[in-house]
Amino acid sequence: MNGLLVIDKPGGITSHDVVNRLRRITGERSIGHLGTLDPMATGVLPLLLGKFTRLAQYFSATEKSYSGSIRFGYATDTYDADGEVSGERVCPSLTLEAIRSAASRFQGEMDQLPPPFSAKKIAGTPAYKLARAGKPVELKTAKICIRSFEITAFDGDEASFTMSVSAGGYVRSVAHELGQDLKCGAHLSNLRRTQAGVFTLDDAQRLEEMEPFSGNLAGLENYCIHPRSLLTDMPSVGGDVVSLGRLRNGAQANLPEFSQAPLVKVFAGQKELVGIARRVAGTLFQPVVVMG
């Protein structure tokens, strides 16, 4: 089965658990997700199936949007509610205005230190494995961009928020650092991804709704995003049998595409994605990804 399926990930399981359940349902071994969601988190999880996994490189820089809540009063070692308490518990005396003022510095480009319990690799080993083993975790900061971070409400010890952040940004780290700035400790208590690139909750399917399609791939394909709606920055173009045959075999071919875009999606008919081709000159294209 080839396609892109957006799942509304439930809480309490890992993104890899979602992959494994879809492997069982579809019988397709080649499945990969586009951006990990922590076990606690829910929401938009796009997955590439089959030969569409070859397109992963073109989705790597997508911005993501979230809604969630931050609890003040103590930090945790994972920076979220799944972790162990780290440091003292305090009774914070905060106001909505004070939190919004502190949150205002988390805007635009910045250097962010990933959480020690994260998938970032240190000499080839994921940081979370070192952290679980009690070994030192020496991570480097990474450049990220927070396009928006709004504290929408504050009740008791918990603040609600929305955020849009570049690929590679950790919402958990923002919650942790906000608690440090307010000198009371904080951690992420709830998180829901509402958008990943162009994909929103409106595109997402509940995992349990996919179960009845086990062994019925034709039915499941109806829930996949239409191939022509993927990678919207690339124009779509069709070709005749000869040109498509050349591209499938790795050779250059002329295509009726005049936008001057450097990359195009090549289709046979309306839905069969043949691959991605790079413009060499004029209407001459070289295949860079072929679906076979």
Protein backbone atom coordinates (compact mmCIF):
# COMPACT_ATOMS: atom_id res chain seq x y z
CA MET A 1 0.00 0.00 0.00
CA ASN A 2 1.36 3.42 -0.99
CA GLY A 3 0.06 6.70 0.42
CA LEU A 4 0.05 9.32 3.16
CA LEU A 5 -2.36 8.74 6.03
CA VAL A 6 -2.92 11.25 8.84
CA ILE A 7 -3.74 9.69 12.21
CA ASP A 8 -5.12 11.49 15.25
CA LYS A 9 -2.68 9.89 17.68
CA PRO A 10 -4.22 8.90 21.02
CA GLY A 11 -2.43 9.55 24.29
CA GLY A 12 -0.55 6.87 26.19
CA ILE A 13 1.18 5.24 23.23
CA THR A 14 4.29 6.11 21.25
CA SER A 15 4.39 7.21 17.63
CA HIS A 16 6.16 3.92 16.88
CA ASP A 17 3.22 2.05 18.45
CA VAL A 18 0.98 3.76 15.86
CA VAL A 19 3.35 2.62 13.10
CA ASN A 20 3.25 -0.97 14.38
CA ARG A 21 -0.56 -1.03 14.51
CA LEU A 22 -0.78 0.24 10.94
CA ARG A 23 1.75 -2.37 9.82
CA ARG A 24 -0.52 -5.03 11.26
CA ILE A 25 -3.65 -3.55 9.69
CA THR A 26 -2.17 -2.98 6.23
CA GLY A 27 0.43 -5.74 6.01
CA GLU A 28 2.80 -3.01 4.77
CA ARG A 29 6.19 -3.13 6.52
CA SER A 30 7.52 0.13 5.12
CA ILE A 31 5.80 2.84 7.20
CA GLY A 32 7.31 5.96 8.75
CA HIS A 33 5.90 8.96 10.62
CA LEU A 34 6.70 12.59 9.90
CA GLY A 35 7.66 13.98 13.30
CA THR A 36 7.48 12.11 16.61
CA LEU A 37 4.77 12.85 19.15
CA ASP A 38 5.59 12.02 22.77
CA PRO A 39 3.47 9.28 24.41
CA MET A 40 1.49 11.86 26.42
CA ALA A 41 0.71 13.96 23.34
CA THR A 42 -2.23 13.53 20.98
CA GLY A 43 -3.11 14.87 17.56
CA VAL A 44 -1.87 15.13 14.00
CA LEU A 45 0.59 12.38 13.06
CA PRO A 46 1.18 12.06 9.28
CA LEU A 47 2.50 8.68 8.14
CA LEU A 48 4.03 7.64 4.83
CA LEU A 49 3.24 4.11 3.67
CA GLY A 50 5.00 1.90 1.17
CA LYS A 51 6.94 3.60 -1.59
CA PHE A 52 5.74 7.00 -0.36
CA THR A 53 8.37 6.72 2.41
CA ARG A 54 10.80 7.82 -0.33
CA LEU A 55 9.21 11.28 -0.10
CA ALA A 56 10.11 11.81 3.57
CA GLN A 57 13.01 14.13 2.73
CA TYR A 58 10.59 16.68 1.26
CA PHE A 59 8.51 16.94 4.46
CA SER A 60 11.37 17.42 6.95
CA ALA A 61 11.13 21.21 7.46
CA THR A 62 7.40 21.58 8.15
CA GLU A 63 6.14 23.92 10.88
CA LYS A 64 3.87 22.43 13.55
CA SER A 65 1.09 23.94 15.67
CA TYR A 66 -0.08 22.88 19.12
CA SER A 67 -2.51 23.59 21.90
CA GLY A 68 -1.88 22.48 25.45
CA SER A 69 -1.29 23.41 29.06
CA ILE A 70 1.65 24.10 31.37
CA ARG A 71 1.54 23.34 35.10
CA PHE A 72 3.53 25.58 37.42
CA GLY A 73 4.98 24.66 40.81
CA TYR A 74 7.52 22.00 39.96
CA ALA A 75 9.71 20.76 37.11
CA THR A 76 10.13 17.17 35.98
CA ASP A 77 13.12 15.31 34.54
CA THR A 78 11.31 14.76 31.21
CA TYR A 79 9.88 18.31 31.17
CA ASP A 80 6.34 16.85 30.98
CA ALA A 81 3.74 15.16 33.18
CA ASP A 82 5.15 11.68 32.49
CA GLY A 83 8.41 12.46 34.30
CA GLU A 84 9.64 12.37 37.89
CA VAL A 85 9.54 15.52 40.02
CA SER A 86 12.80 17.44 39.73
CA GLY A 87 13.66 20.02 42.38
CA GLU A 88 11.35 21.54 44.97
CA ARG A 89 7.58 21.78 44.81
CA VAL A 90 6.40 25.32 45.45
CA CYS A 91 3.08 27.13 45.57
CA PRO A 92 3.49 29.74 42.83
CA SER A 93 1.89 33.14 43.14
CA LEU A 94 1.35 34.01 39.50
CA THR A 95 -1.00 36.06 37.38
CA LEU A 96 -2.03 35.71 33.76
CA GLU A 97 -0.22 38.98 33.01
CA ALA A 98 3.02 37.76 34.61
CA ILE A 99 2.96 34.52 32.64
CA ARG A 100 2.22 36.32 29.39
CA SER A 101 5.07 38.74 30.07
CA ALA A 102 7.53 35.87 30.66
CA ALA A 103 6.20 33.99 27.61
CA SER A 104 6.80 36.98 25.34
CA ARG A 105 10.52 36.20 25.12
CA PHE A 106 9.74 32.89 23.43
CA GLN A 107 9.12 34.44 20.03
CA GLY A 108 11.07 34.35 16.78
CA GLU A 109 14.44 32.68 16.20
CA MET A 110 16.32 31.36 19.22
CA ASP A 111 18.73 28.72 20.44
CA GLN A 112 16.90 25.92 22.25
CA LEU A 113 18.34 23.13 24.37
CA PRO A 114 16.43 19.88 23.73
CA PRO A 115 15.14 17.89 26.73
CA PRO A 116 17.50 15.19 28.08
CA PHE A 117 14.71 12.65 27.50
CA SER A 118 14.50 13.16 23.73
CA ALA A 119 15.34 11.34 20.50
CA LYS A 120 18.29 13.66 19.81
CA LYS A 121 21.39 11.53 19.30
CA ILE A 122 24.68 11.86 21.14
CA ALA A 123 27.47 9.96 19.36
CA GLY A 124 24.80 7.82 17.71
CA THR A 125 22.83 7.05 20.90
CA PRO A 126 19.41 8.63 21.57
CA ALA A 127 19.60 11.00 24.52
CA TYR A 128 16.67 9.33 26.30
CA LYS A 129 18.58 6.02 26.47
CA LEU A 130 21.51 7.74 28.19
CA ALA A 131 19.16 9.59 30.54
CA ARG A 132 17.33 6.39 31.51
CA ALA A 133 20.67 4.73 32.24
CA GLY A 134 21.67 7.63 34.49
CA LYS A 135 24.51 8.64 32.19
CA PRO A 136 25.47 12.25 31.41
CA VAL A 137 23.42 13.84 28.64
CA GLU A 138 25.35 16.63 26.94
CA LEU A 139 23.12 18.07 24.24
CA LYS A 140 23.84 21.05 22.03
CA THR A 141 21.44 23.89 21.40
CA ALA A 142 19.64 24.05 18.07
CA LYS A 143 18.28 27.00 16.11
CA ILE A 144 14.48 27.03 16.09
CA CYS A 145 11.78 29.58 15.31
CA ILE A 146 8.63 30.07 17.37
CA ARG A 147 6.21 31.94 15.11
CA SER A 148 3.58 32.33 17.81
CA PHE A 149 3.17 31.48 21.50
CA GLU A 150 0.01 32.71 23.18
CA ILE A 151 -1.04 32.10 26.78
CA THR A 152 -4.81 31.92 26.42
CA ALA A 153 -5.90 31.33 30.04
CA PHE A 154 -4.64 30.72 33.57
CA ASP A 155 -6.53 28.83 36.26
CA GLY A 156 -5.08 27.60 39.56
CA ASP A 157 -1.58 26.39 38.73
CA GLU A 158 -2.16 25.68 35.03
CA ALA A 159 -1.92 27.90 31.95
CA SER A 160 -3.43 27.06 28.56
CA PHE A 161 -1.55 28.00 25.40
CA THR A 162 -1.29 27.73 21.63
CA MET A 163 2.01 27.59 19.75
CA SER A 164 3.41 27.36 16.22
CA VAL A 165 7.04 26.26 16.04
CA SER A 166 9.53 25.21 13.38
CA ALA A 167 10.62 21.61 12.84
CA GLY A 168 12.95 20.45 15.60
CA GLY A 169 11.41 22.68 18.26
CA TYR A 170 10.44 21.15 21.61
CA VAL A 171 7.33 22.49 23.36
CA ARG A 172 8.50 20.68 26.52
CA SER A 173 11.65 22.78 26.61
CA VAL A 174 9.62 25.99 26.36
CA ALA A 175 7.46 24.89 29.33
CA HIS A 176 10.57 24.01 31.37
CA GLU A 177 12.37 27.28 30.60
CA LEU A 178 9.23 29.31 31.31
CA GLY A 179 9.14 27.77 34.77
CA GLN A 180 12.79 28.66 35.28
CA ASP A 181 12.16 32.26 34.25
CA LEU A 182 9.25 32.52 36.71
CA LYS A 183 11.35 30.84 39.44
CA CYS A 184 8.71 28.29 40.34
CA GLY A 185 9.39 25.32 38.06
CA ALA A 186 6.98 24.13 35.37
CA HIS A 187 6.29 21.22 33.06
CA LEU A 188 4.10 20.42 30.09
CA SER A 189 0.87 18.91 31.43
CA ASN A 190 -1.05 18.43 28.19
CA LEU A 191 -0.25 18.66 24.48
CA ARG A 192 -2.26 18.27 21.29
CA ARG A 193 -0.76 18.79 17.83
CA THR A 194 -3.34 20.62 15.76
CA GLN A 195 -1.35 20.96 12.53
CA ALA A 196 1.78 19.54 10.90
CA GLY A 197 2.69 21.37 7.72
CA VAL A 198 -0.50 21.53 5.65
CA PHE A 199 -2.16 18.67 7.55
CA THR A 200 -4.72 19.51 10.24
CA LEU A 201 -7.04 17.65 12.59
CA ASP A 202 -9.67 17.80 9.83
CA ASP A 203 -7.45 15.44 7.81
CA ALA A 204 -6.83 13.05 10.69
CA GLN A 205 -8.41 9.63 11.23
CA ARG A 206 -8.84 7.88 14.57
CA LEU A 207 -6.68 4.78 14.81
CA GLU A 208 -9.54 2.55 15.90
CA GLU A 209 -11.47 3.53 12.77
CA MET A 210 -8.74 1.95 10.65
CA GLU A 211 -9.00 -1.48 12.31
CA PRO A 212 -12.02 -2.70 10.24
CA PHE A 213 -10.01 -2.19 7.04
CA SER A 214 -7.52 -4.93 7.89
CA GLY A 215 -7.16 -6.88 4.66
CA ASN A 216 -9.18 -4.29 2.73
CA LEU A 217 -6.53 -1.94 1.40
CA ALA A 218 -8.81 -0.51 -1.28
CA GLY A 219 -11.10 0.79 1.45
CA LEU A 220 -8.23 2.14 3.53
CA GLU A 221 -6.76 4.01 0.56
CA ASN A 222 -9.88 6.19 0.52
CA TYR A 223 -8.69 7.70 3.82
CA CYS A 224 -5.28 8.65 2.44
CA ILE A 225 -4.51 12.21 1.33
CA HIS A 226 -4.92 12.55 -2.44
CA PRO A 227 -1.42 12.37 -3.99
CA ARG A 228 -1.93 15.61 -5.92
CA SER A 229 -2.55 17.40 -2.60
CA LEU A 230 0.89 16.45 -1.28
CA LEU A 231 3.94 18.73 -1.47
CA THR A 232 1.90 21.68 -2.66
CA ASP A 233 5.01 23.76 -3.43
CA MET A 234 5.70 21.42 -6.35
CA PRO A 235 3.59 21.60 -9.53
CA SER A 236 2.00 18.41 -10.84
CA VAL A 237 2.54 17.23 -14.39
CA GLY A 238 1.53 14.21 -16.44
CA GLY A 239 3.38 12.55 -19.27
CA ASP A 240 2.91 10.15 -22.15
CA VAL A 241 3.83 6.48 -21.99
CA VAL A 242 7.27 7.05 -23.53
CA SER A 243 8.34 9.90 -21.22
CA LEU A 244 7.00 8.15 -18.12
CA GLY A 245 8.81 4.98 -19.12
CA ARG A 246 12.08 6.89 -19.43
CA LEU A 247 11.66 8.50 -16.02
CA ARG A 248 10.80 5.19 -14.38
CA ASN A 249 14.07 3.80 -15.76
CA GLY A 250 16.10 6.73 -14.42
CA ALA A 251 16.54 8.54 -17.73
CA GLN A 252 15.79 12.16 -18.59
CA ALA A 253 12.55 13.04 -20.37
CA ASN A 254 10.70 16.05 -21.73
CA LEU A 255 7.49 16.96 -19.90
CA PRO A 256 4.84 19.61 -20.66
CA GLU A 257 5.68 21.74 -17.59
CA PHE A 258 6.47 25.45 -18.01
CA SER A 259 6.35 26.95 -14.49
CA GLN A 260 10.16 26.93 -14.11
CA ALA A 261 9.79 25.29 -10.69
CA PRO A 262 12.96 23.28 -9.92
CA LEU A 263 11.05 20.16 -8.82
CA VAL A 264 7.77 18.66 -10.07
CA LYS A 265 5.52 15.76 -9.14
CA VAL A 266 5.05 13.42 -12.10
CA PHE A 267 1.78 11.50 -12.47
CA ALA A 268 0.38 8.77 -14.66
CA GLY A 269 -3.32 9.61 -14.70
CA GLN A 270 -4.86 11.50 -11.79
CA LYS A 271 -3.65 9.50 -8.79
CA GLU A 272 -0.61 7.38 -9.67
CA LEU A 273 2.50 9.24 -8.51
CA VAL A 274 5.42 8.15 -10.69
CA GLY A 275 7.97 10.20 -8.77
CA ILE A 276 9.70 13.54 -8.28
CA ALA A 277 11.76 15.04 -11.13
CA ARG A 278 14.29 17.88 -11.20
CA ARG A 279 14.29 20.40 -14.04
CA VAL A 280 17.54 20.17 -16.02
CA ALA A 281 16.78 22.81 -18.66
CA GLY A 282 13.53 24.09 -20.10
CA THR A 283 11.13 21.14 -20.09
CA LEU A 284 13.84 18.48 -19.73
CA PHE A 285 13.62 16.63 -16.39
CA GLN A 286 15.79 14.17 -14.47
CA PRO A 287 14.08 11.79 -12.00
CA VAL A 288 15.28 12.14 -8.39
CA VAL A 289 12.68 9.90 -6.72
CA VAL A 290 11.02 7.05 -8.62
CA MET A 291 8.16 5.02 -7.19
CA GLY A 292 8.86 2.11 -9.49
